[in-house]
Structures are given as C-alpha cells and as structure tokens.
Amino acid sequence: MLGFMGSTSQPDLARLEKSPRDLERWQKAQRQLLAGGAAGALPVYRDLTQRFPGILNLWFELGTAAAGDLDFRAGQPGLRARAGVGFY
C-alpha cells in the first residue's frame, strides 16, 4: 500500500526510505487503517507527518485515519497546505 501519489518532497521521502523503523511504522499504520483501526493508526500518522511533512500520502492517510476516528479536522491543515486544496 505504499504507493506514492501526488507530489512528495524528495528529501523527506528519501529520509523515510532510509529509516527501516519509520517505514515499518508507516506500513503497520496502513494495515491498522485498512483493518478499521483508525484510532490506533492516528498517533503514528501524527508523528510521521511532523517528521516527514513533505510526503503527501502521509497527510492523506492521516486525514483518513482522523475521519475514521471521527476527528474530521485533524489532517486538514497540513494536507491543505501541501496540496493547495480548500476544505470546508
């Protein structure tokens, strides 16, 4: 599921790919999200988006996890800033 869509910051993506621990955390969060465990994935996405803010997929998945946890605004500011998309 680690397909990268949209624009990414190459330095952030390269840093993440060089960190087996963070890459595994991302993959685990994705599996949790797919299994309906948004609440468990949310803290991981919050941490990863702070440490790797240029990876748009992290922001998208943070928003998905937040919505699954009924925290609809959690992922919007960062995703909006990076994608140039307005949320209402």
C-alpha atoms as a PDB file:
ATOM      1  CA  MET A   1       0.000   0.000   0.000  1.00  0.00           C
ATOM      2  CA  LEU A   2       2.994   2.291  -0.009  1.00  0.00           C
ATOM      3  CA  GLY A   3       2.203   3.601  -3.479  1.00  0.00           C
ATOM      4  CA  PHE A   4       3.105   7.265  -3.542  1.00  0.00           C
ATOM      5  CA  MET A   5       0.546   9.567  -5.128  1.00  0.00           C
ATOM      6  CA  GLY A   6       0.688  13.246  -5.759  1.00  0.00           C
ATOM      7  CA  SER A   7       3.689  15.398  -5.080  1.00  0.00           C
ATOM      8  CA  THR A   8       6.217  14.464  -2.481  1.00  0.00           C
ATOM      9  CA  SER A   9       9.230  16.173  -1.100  1.00  0.00           C
ATOM     10  CA  GLN A  10      12.080  14.010  -2.346  1.00  0.00           C
ATOM     11  CA  PRO A  11      14.305  14.750   0.677  1.00  0.00           C
ATOM     12  CA  ASP A  12      11.550  13.660   3.091  1.00  0.00           C
ATOM     13  CA  LEU A  13      10.771  10.560   1.070  1.00  0.00           C
ATOM     14  CA  ALA A  14      14.454   9.651   0.872  1.00  0.00           C
ATOM     15  CA  ARG A  15      14.845  10.123   4.640  1.00  0.00           C
ATOM     16  CA  LEU A  16      11.819   7.933   5.327  1.00  0.00           C
ATOM     17  CA  GLU A  17      13.024   5.212   2.983  1.00  0.00           C
ATOM     18  CA  LYS A  18      16.387   5.185   4.798  1.00  0.00           C
ATOM     19  CA  SER A  19      14.679   4.595   8.139  1.00  0.00           C
ATOM     20  CA  PRO A  20      13.550   0.954   8.381  1.00  0.00           C
ATOM     21  CA  ARG A  21      11.856   1.688  11.727  1.00  0.00           C
ATOM     22  CA  ASP A  22       9.768   4.552  10.346  1.00  0.00           C
ATOM     23  CA  LEU A  23       8.965   2.661   7.164  1.00  0.00           C
ATOM     24  CA  GLU A  24       7.724  -0.279   9.253  1.00  0.00           C
ATOM     25  CA  ARG A  25       5.674   2.086  11.452  1.00  0.00           C
ATOM     26  CA  TRP A  26       4.040   3.529   8.330  1.00  0.00           C
ATOM     27  CA  GLN A  27       3.265   0.080   6.939  1.00  0.00           C
ATOM     28  CA  LYS A  28       1.824  -1.028  10.296  1.00  0.00           C
ATOM     29  CA  ALA A  29      -0.345   2.117  10.461  1.00  0.00           C
ATOM     30  CA  GLN A  30      -1.601   1.403   6.942  1.00  0.00           C
ATOM     31  CA  ARG A  31      -2.518  -2.163   7.933  1.00  0.00           C
ATOM     32  CA  GLN A  32      -4.311  -0.877  11.046  1.00  0.00           C
ATOM     33  CA  LEU A  33      -6.197   1.674   8.971  1.00  0.00           C
ATOM     34  CA  LEU A  34      -7.299  -0.964   6.447  1.00  0.00           C
ATOM     35  CA  ALA A  35      -8.421  -3.233   9.282  1.00  0.00           C
ATOM     36  CA  GLY A  36     -10.623  -0.493  10.754  1.00  0.00           C
ATOM     37  CA  GLY A  37      -8.205   0.540  13.483  1.00  0.00           C
ATOM     38  CA  ALA A  38      -8.088   4.259  12.747  1.00  0.00           C
ATOM     39  CA  ALA A  39      -7.661   5.209  16.405  1.00  0.00           C
ATOM     40  CA  GLY A  40      -4.520   3.095  16.695  1.00  0.00           C
ATOM     41  CA  ALA A  41      -3.025   4.467  13.486  1.00  0.00           C
ATOM     42  CA  LEU A  42      -3.737   8.125  14.228  1.00  0.00           C
ATOM     43  CA  PRO A  43      -0.822   8.790  16.655  1.00  0.00           C
ATOM     44  CA  VAL A  44       1.633   7.200  14.226  1.00  0.00           C
ATOM     45  CA  TYR A  45       0.415   9.369  11.349  1.00  0.00           C
ATOM     46  CA  ARG A  46       0.584  12.477  13.540  1.00  0.00           C
ATOM     47  CA  ASP A  47       4.199  11.715  14.384  1.00  0.00           C
ATOM     48  CA  LEU A  48       5.215  10.809  10.831  1.00  0.00           C
ATOM     49  CA  THR A  49       3.613  13.911   9.306  1.00  0.00           C
ATOM     50  CA  GLN A  50       5.548  16.086  11.757  1.00  0.00           C
ATOM     51  CA  ARG A  51       8.822  14.363  10.964  1.00  0.00           C
ATOM     52  CA  PHE A  52       8.272  13.966   7.202  1.00  0.00           C
ATOM     53  CA  PRO A  53       5.929  16.840   6.277  1.00  0.00           C
ATOM     54  CA  GLY A  54       6.686  16.740   2.562  1.00  0.00           C
ATOM     55  CA  ILE A  55       5.103  13.318   1.946  1.00  0.00           C
ATOM     56  CA  LEU A  56       1.570  13.990   0.753  1.00  0.00           C
ATOM     57  CA  ASN A  57       0.466  10.373   1.243  1.00  0.00           C
ATOM     58  CA  LEU A  58       1.138  10.645   4.972  1.00  0.00           C
ATOM     59  CA  TRP A  59      -1.176  13.661   5.178  1.00  0.00           C
ATOM     60  CA  PHE A  60      -3.868  11.924   3.135  1.00  0.00           C
ATOM     61  CA  GLU A  61      -3.680   8.824   5.328  1.00  0.00           C
ATOM     62  CA  LEU A  62      -3.685  10.996   8.464  1.00  0.00           C
ATOM     63  CA  GLY A  63      -6.924  12.562   7.226  1.00  0.00           C
ATOM     64  CA  THR A  64      -8.377   9.131   6.512  1.00  0.00           C
ATOM     65  CA  ALA A  65      -7.424   7.872   9.981  1.00  0.00           C
ATOM     66  CA  ALA A  66      -8.798  11.030  11.591  1.00  0.00           C
ATOM     67  CA  ALA A  67     -12.098  10.661   9.739  1.00  0.00           C
ATOM     68  CA  GLY A  68     -12.283   7.035  10.826  1.00  0.00           C
ATOM     69  CA  ASP A  69     -11.837   8.223  14.391  1.00  0.00           C
ATOM     70  CA  LEU A  70     -14.446  10.983  13.838  1.00  0.00           C
ATOM     71  CA  ASP A  71     -11.774  13.698  14.204  1.00  0.00           C
ATOM     72  CA  PHE A  72     -12.598  15.320  10.879  1.00  0.00           C
ATOM     73  CA  ARG A  73     -10.279  18.308  11.116  1.00  0.00           C
ATOM     74  CA  ALA A  74      -7.104  16.605  12.336  1.00  0.00           C
ATOM     75  CA  GLY A  75      -5.451  16.119   8.962  1.00  0.00           C
ATOM     76  CA  GLN A  76      -6.855  19.086   7.088  1.00  0.00           C
ATOM     77  CA  PRO A  77      -4.374  21.895   7.835  1.00  0.00           C
ATOM     78  CA  GLY A  78      -1.285  20.029   6.667  1.00  0.00           C
ATOM     79  CA  LEU A  79      -2.949  18.421   3.684  1.00  0.00           C
ATOM     80  CA  ARG A  80      -4.473  21.723   2.636  1.00  0.00           C
ATOM     81  CA  ALA A  81      -1.124  23.494   2.836  1.00  0.00           C
ATOM     82  CA  ARG A  82       0.674  20.839   0.824  1.00  0.00           C
ATOM     83  CA  ALA A  83      -1.989  20.065  -1.763  1.00  0.00           C
ATOM     84  CA  GLY A  84      -3.410  23.542  -2.222  1.00  0.00           C
ATOM     85  CA  VAL A  85      -6.905  22.174  -1.591  1.00  0.00           C
ATOM     86  CA  GLY A  86      -9.560  24.031   0.338  1.00  0.00           C
ATOM     87  CA  PHE A  87     -11.602  22.165   2.932  1.00  0.00           C
ATOM     88  CA  TYR A  88     -14.933  23.464   4.137  1.00  0.00           C
END
